[in-house]
Protein backbone atom coordinates (compact mmCIF):
# COMPACT_ATOMS: atom_id res chain seq x y z
CA MET A 1 23.83 -14.63 -19.40
CA THR A 2 24.06 -11.64 -16.93
CA GLN A 3 21.39 -10.31 -15.36
CA ALA A 4 19.42 -6.98 -16.56
CA LYS A 5 19.31 -4.51 -13.79
CA ARG A 6 15.85 -3.64 -12.30
CA ARG A 7 14.60 -0.35 -10.72
CA TRP A 8 12.59 -1.04 -7.55
CA LEU A 9 10.37 1.17 -5.60
CA ILE A 10 10.58 -0.29 -2.34
CA THR A 11 7.62 0.91 0.48
CA GLY A 12 8.44 0.77 4.14
CA CYS A 13 11.96 0.19 4.62
CA SER A 14 13.12 1.98 7.66
CA THR A 15 12.51 -1.52 9.08
CA GLY A 16 11.85 -5.02 8.83
CA PHE A 17 11.20 -6.50 4.97
CA GLY A 18 11.90 -3.48 3.28
CA ARG A 19 14.76 -2.52 4.87
CA ALA A 20 16.18 -5.90 4.82
CA LEU A 21 14.89 -6.54 0.90
CA ALA A 22 16.62 -2.94 -0.14
CA GLU A 23 20.49 -3.91 1.45
CA ARG A 24 20.19 -7.09 -0.84
CA VAL A 25 19.19 -5.56 -3.77
CA ILE A 26 20.84 -2.27 -3.17
CA GLY A 27 24.20 -5.22 -2.71
CA GLN A 28 23.40 -6.84 -5.88
CA GLY A 29 23.60 -3.56 -7.77
CA ASP A 30 19.94 -2.86 -8.85
CA HIS A 31 18.56 0.48 -8.46
CA VAL A 32 16.58 0.71 -5.58
CA PHE A 33 14.08 3.59 -4.56
CA ALA A 34 13.68 2.77 -0.71
CA THR A 35 10.87 4.62 1.04
CA ALA A 36 9.85 5.59 4.54
CA ARG A 37 7.60 8.20 6.14
CA ASP A 38 10.77 9.70 7.87
CA PRO A 39 13.65 9.38 5.30
CA ALA A 40 15.93 10.74 7.69
CA THR A 41 15.29 6.72 8.77
CA LEU A 42 17.15 5.70 5.51
CA GLU A 43 20.25 7.76 5.25
CA ASP A 44 22.44 4.78 6.40
CA LEU A 45 20.88 2.77 4.21
CA VAL A 46 21.66 4.34 0.78
CA ARG A 47 24.91 6.47 1.67
CA GLY A 48 27.70 5.68 -0.58
CA HIS A 49 25.45 4.08 -3.27
CA SER A 50 25.23 5.59 -6.56
CA ASN A 51 22.14 2.98 -6.98
CA ALA A 52 19.81 4.05 -4.13
CA ASP A 53 17.88 7.20 -3.45
CA ALA A 54 15.66 7.73 0.02
CA LEU A 55 12.33 9.37 -0.51
CA GLN A 56 9.60 10.63 1.67
CA LEU A 57 6.70 8.14 1.27
CA ASP A 58 3.01 8.01 3.47
CA VAL A 59 1.19 5.94 0.61
CA THR A 60 -2.02 7.97 2.95
CA ARG A 61 -1.00 11.16 1.06
CA SER A 62 -1.51 11.33 -2.80
CA GLU A 63 1.03 14.18 -3.07
CA ASP A 64 3.35 11.99 -1.98
CA ILE A 65 2.80 9.08 -4.16
CA GLU A 66 2.60 11.45 -7.15
CA ALA A 67 6.09 13.35 -6.00
CA VAL A 68 7.41 9.57 -5.93
CA VAL A 69 6.22 9.12 -9.18
CA ALA A 70 7.79 11.66 -10.61
CA HIS A 71 10.94 11.10 -9.07
CA THR A 72 11.19 7.81 -10.07
CA VAL A 73 10.71 8.88 -14.11
CA ALA A 74 13.08 11.63 -13.77
CA LYS A 75 15.48 9.72 -12.47
CA THR A 76 15.63 6.57 -14.34
CA GLY A 77 12.48 6.44 -16.65
CA GLY A 78 10.48 4.57 -14.36
CA ILE A 79 10.70 1.40 -12.32
CA ASP A 80 10.50 -2.30 -12.74
CA VAL A 81 9.43 -3.90 -9.87
CA LEU A 82 6.97 -2.30 -7.40
CA VAL A 83 7.38 -3.78 -3.50
CA ASN A 84 4.06 -2.79 -1.58
CA ASN A 85 5.57 -3.51 1.85
CA ALA A 86 4.31 -0.64 4.12
CA GLY A 87 1.95 -1.63 6.62
CA TYR A 88 1.78 -2.51 10.09
CA GLY A 89 -0.66 -4.44 12.75
CA TYR A 90 -3.45 -3.67 15.27
CA LEU A 91 -4.49 -6.72 17.21
CA ALA A 92 -7.71 -6.90 19.33
CA ALA A 93 -10.92 -9.12 19.24
CA VAL A 94 -13.19 -7.74 16.39
CA GLU A 95 -15.87 -6.60 19.41
CA GLU A 96 -13.11 -4.77 21.04
CA GLY A 97 -11.77 -2.78 18.13
CA ASP A 98 -11.49 1.06 18.05
CA GLU A 99 -12.81 2.07 14.71
CA ALA A 100 -10.45 4.86 14.00
CA GLU A 101 -7.93 2.44 14.94
CA TYR A 102 -8.81 -0.60 12.21
CA ARG A 103 -9.84 2.27 9.69
CA ALA A 104 -6.29 4.04 9.72
CA MET A 105 -4.45 0.52 9.48
CA PHE A 106 -6.69 -0.01 5.97
CA GLU A 107 -6.14 3.33 4.70
CA THR A 108 -1.97 2.24 5.22
CA ASN A 109 -2.23 -1.31 4.46
CA PHE A 110 -4.78 -1.90 1.49
CA PHE A 111 -6.13 1.56 0.41
CA GLY A 112 -2.38 3.01 0.40
CA LEU A 113 -0.97 -0.02 -1.08
CA ALA A 114 -3.74 0.44 -3.67
CA ALA A 115 -3.08 4.11 -4.84
CA LEU A 116 0.38 3.58 -5.19
CA THR A 117 -0.04 0.66 -7.65
CA ARG A 118 -2.63 2.89 -9.65
CA ALA A 119 -0.42 5.06 -9.51
CA TYR A 120 2.26 2.77 -11.30
CA LEU A 121 0.38 0.61 -13.80
CA PRO A 122 0.08 3.34 -16.47
CA LEU A 123 3.93 3.69 -16.84
CA LEU A 124 3.87 -0.43 -16.60
CA ARG A 125 1.46 -0.94 -18.96
CA GLU A 126 3.59 1.75 -20.92
CA GLN A 127 6.88 -0.39 -21.17
CA GLY A 128 4.93 -3.44 -21.28
CA THR A 129 6.62 -4.84 -18.24
CA GLY A 130 7.23 -4.78 -14.49
CA HIS A 131 6.45 -6.57 -11.69
CA ILE A 132 4.19 -5.66 -8.80
CA VAL A 133 5.17 -7.48 -5.59
CA ASN A 134 2.43 -7.06 -2.64
CA ILE A 135 3.38 -8.01 0.78
CA SER A 136 0.89 -9.74 2.36
CA SER A 137 0.63 -12.29 5.58
CA VAL A 138 -0.38 -15.82 6.08
CA GLY A 139 -2.96 -13.45 8.13
CA GLY A 140 -4.11 -12.49 4.38
CA LEU A 141 -5.18 -16.26 3.91
CA VAL A 142 -6.05 -17.30 7.40
CA GLY A 143 -7.86 -15.91 10.50
CA ASN A 144 -6.61 -16.31 13.69
CA PRO A 145 -8.25 -14.94 16.91
CA GLY A 146 -7.25 -11.56 17.74
CA SER A 147 -6.69 -10.40 13.98
CA GLY A 148 -9.83 -10.09 12.59
CA TRP A 149 -9.38 -6.40 11.36
CA TYR A 150 -6.08 -6.55 10.46
CA ALA A 151 -6.91 -10.29 8.72
CA ALA A 152 -9.58 -8.41 7.06
CA THR A 153 -6.80 -5.67 5.37
CA LYS A 154 -4.63 -8.61 4.22
CA PHE A 155 -7.47 -10.64 2.44
CA ALA A 156 -8.34 -7.54 1.14
CA VAL A 157 -4.55 -7.28 -0.83
CA SER A 158 -5.11 -10.79 -1.61
CA GLY A 159 -8.44 -10.43 -3.42
CA PHE A 160 -7.25 -7.31 -4.68
CA SER A 161 -4.22 -9.06 -5.90
CA GLU A 162 -5.81 -11.74 -7.67
CA ALA A 163 -7.79 -9.95 -9.64
CA LEU A 164 -4.66 -7.77 -10.89
CA ALA A 165 -3.20 -10.32 -11.70
CA LYS A 166 -5.46 -11.21 -14.03
CA GLU A 167 -6.10 -8.38 -15.80
CA VAL A 168 -2.27 -7.60 -16.39
CA THR A 169 -0.46 -10.47 -17.30
CA PRO A 170 -1.74 -10.54 -20.53
CA LEU A 171 -0.22 -6.64 -20.37
CA GLY A 172 3.38 -8.58 -19.87
CA ILE A 173 3.16 -7.20 -15.73
CA LYS A 174 3.38 -9.92 -13.07
CA VAL A 175 1.93 -10.26 -9.48
CA THR A 176 2.56 -11.65 -6.61
CA VAL A 177 1.81 -11.87 -3.11
CA ILE A 178 4.12 -12.74 -0.50
CA ALA A 179 2.60 -14.04 2.78
CA PRO A 180 5.03 -14.16 5.44
CA GLY A 181 4.61 -15.90 8.60
CA PRO A 182 6.39 -15.26 11.93
CA PHE A 183 9.55 -13.23 11.59
CA ARG A 184 12.25 -11.15 13.21
CA THR A 185 11.18 -8.40 12.58
CA ASP A 186 9.82 -5.50 14.50
CA TRP A 187 5.77 -6.26 13.41
CA ALA A 188 4.96 -7.99 16.94
CA GLY A 189 7.24 -5.83 19.16
CA ARG A 190 7.30 -1.76 18.43
CA SER A 191 5.20 -1.54 15.57
CA LEU A 192 2.68 -3.44 17.01
CA ARG A 193 -0.62 -1.71 17.91
CA THR A 194 -3.56 -3.40 20.50
CA ALA A 195 -6.81 -2.30 21.55
CA SER A 196 -7.09 0.19 24.35
CA ARG A 197 -9.92 -2.10 25.99
CA ARG A 198 -9.72 -5.51 26.87
CA ILE A 199 -13.10 -7.51 27.58
CA GLU A 200 -13.17 -10.10 30.21
CA ALA A 201 -14.90 -13.20 27.67
CA TYR A 202 -12.02 -13.08 25.10
CA ARG A 203 -9.63 -14.49 28.08
CA ASP A 204 -8.75 -17.50 26.95
CA THR A 205 -8.61 -16.82 22.99
CA VAL A 206 -7.87 -13.41 21.72
CA HIS A 207 -5.78 -12.14 24.76
CA ALA A 208 -3.90 -15.66 25.15
CA ARG A 209 -2.79 -15.24 21.42
CA LEU A 210 -1.59 -11.59 21.92
CA ASP A 211 0.40 -12.60 25.15
CA GLN A 212 1.91 -15.50 23.19
CA LEU A 213 3.08 -13.03 20.23
CA ALA A 214 4.39 -10.58 22.87
CA LYS A 215 6.37 -13.24 24.17
CA ILE A 216 7.72 -14.54 20.93
CA SER A 217 8.86 -11.14 19.87
CA GLY A 218 12.15 -11.24 18.67
CA HIS A 219 12.86 -15.40 18.66
CA GLN A 220 10.53 -16.07 15.59
CA ALA A 221 11.88 -18.75 13.37
CA GLY A 222 11.89 -16.56 10.06
CA ASP A 223 14.98 -14.33 8.95
CA PRO A 224 14.16 -11.57 7.16
CA VAL A 225 17.29 -11.69 5.31
CA ARG A 226 16.80 -15.33 4.22
CA ALA A 227 13.16 -13.39 3.07
CA ALA A 228 14.34 -10.80 1.29
CA ASP A 229 16.50 -13.26 -1.00
CA ALA A 230 13.15 -15.44 -1.51
CA ILE A 231 11.77 -12.50 -3.07
CA ILE A 232 14.73 -11.63 -5.58
CA ASP A 233 14.18 -15.26 -6.33
CA VAL A 234 10.69 -14.69 -7.42
CA VAL A 235 11.41 -11.57 -9.12
CA ARG A 236 13.95 -13.21 -11.34
CA SER A 237 12.03 -16.04 -11.96
CA ASP A 238 10.64 -16.00 -15.32
CA ALA A 239 7.07 -17.77 -13.94
CA PRO A 240 6.79 -16.22 -10.55
CA PRO A 241 4.11 -17.72 -8.30
CA LEU A 242 1.07 -15.81 -7.60
CA TYR A 243 1.59 -16.49 -3.65
CA LEU A 244 4.55 -17.44 -1.82
CA VAL A 245 4.18 -18.45 1.40
CA LEU A 246 7.37 -17.72 4.00
CA GLY A 247 8.42 -19.65 6.33
CA ALA A 248 7.59 -23.55 7.47
CA ALA A 249 4.82 -21.90 10.49
CA GLY A 250 2.93 -20.32 7.76
CA LEU A 251 3.47 -22.92 5.67
CA ARG A 252 1.56 -25.44 8.10
CA LEU A 253 -1.25 -22.57 9.04
CA VAL A 254 -1.74 -22.34 5.13
CA ARG A 255 -1.69 -25.72 4.77
CA ASP A 256 -4.11 -26.62 7.73
CA LYS A 257 -6.56 -24.25 6.25
CA THR A 258 -6.62 -25.58 2.40
CA ASN A 259 -6.82 -28.77 3.88
CA ALA A 260 -9.44 -28.10 5.77
CA LEU A 261 -11.28 -26.31 3.17
CA SER A 262 -10.98 -28.99 0.82
CA ASP A 263 -12.71 -31.52 3.12
CA ALA A 264 -15.41 -29.31 4.15
CA LEU A 265 -16.27 -28.63 -0.10
CA ASP A 266 -16.39 -31.86 -0.29
CA LYS A 267 -18.73 -32.65 2.25
CA TRP A 268 -21.43 -29.94 1.58
CA GLU A 269 -20.85 -30.13 -2.18
CA SER A 270 -24.36 -32.02 -2.37
CA VAL A 271 -25.74 -28.78 -0.72
CA SER A 272 -23.66 -26.23 -2.82
CA VAL A 273 -24.95 -27.97 -6.55
CA GLY A 274 -28.37 -28.20 -4.86
CA THR A 275 -28.82 -24.68 -4.75
CA ASP A 276 -29.07 -24.39 -9.01
CA TYR A 277 -31.82 -24.35 -11.11
CA PRO A 278 -32.63 -28.08 -12.11
CA SER A 279 -31.05 -29.07 -15.14
């Protein structure tokens, strides 16, 4: 049976996962509203495609969000799939972090995502169907040296998405968190921001990890095109997962975390249950 055409809104399409996903979805015939802070970066993506629009969207600007919602409603009556992909990394030891930098990252990675989601929820509720796909990170499930501030934004996305899923699943709306490990995007290269100062005490933990990330940038095992295909498969699924980890390296990290958490729960079970009032 032929798949019904879907209407997608994808944020952060200038590079990386957003661009790869938009290209694949456009090529498969669905309608894509591709967004970026500078829509000129999307001209080659949408050129010659009647099923693609390039829109300006800075997710931290409410006026941009309102304009995008209005455009999608006027053009196609709304959307079926919202992909919250816009975001970037700021890496530093917690002590090294610059408050202006990590607050700005929160505005994009979390508060912008939440604002755009809230803007579309009334429309998705009214149509009784839809899929919200939040691009998080393995860093939203596992914290590592140097990623405390970044991980905080992505852990926030995870908690937000879990709660949202329990609220909207009965209304016909699906929610999936995509958690990529290392992928060959600009995340660890041009797009990455780091602390302006380094404290010597963190040389062997934070700085060693940041230096390693810089060395592997452009050589990561993860393929953004294959990731895009995986996201499309999730959207087409009748029973999509709440979480989808992408990449073998990311899967290992998450399994190590869940195994360690399970072991700790077992080891400290008597202490945990002992804090209840006696029966």
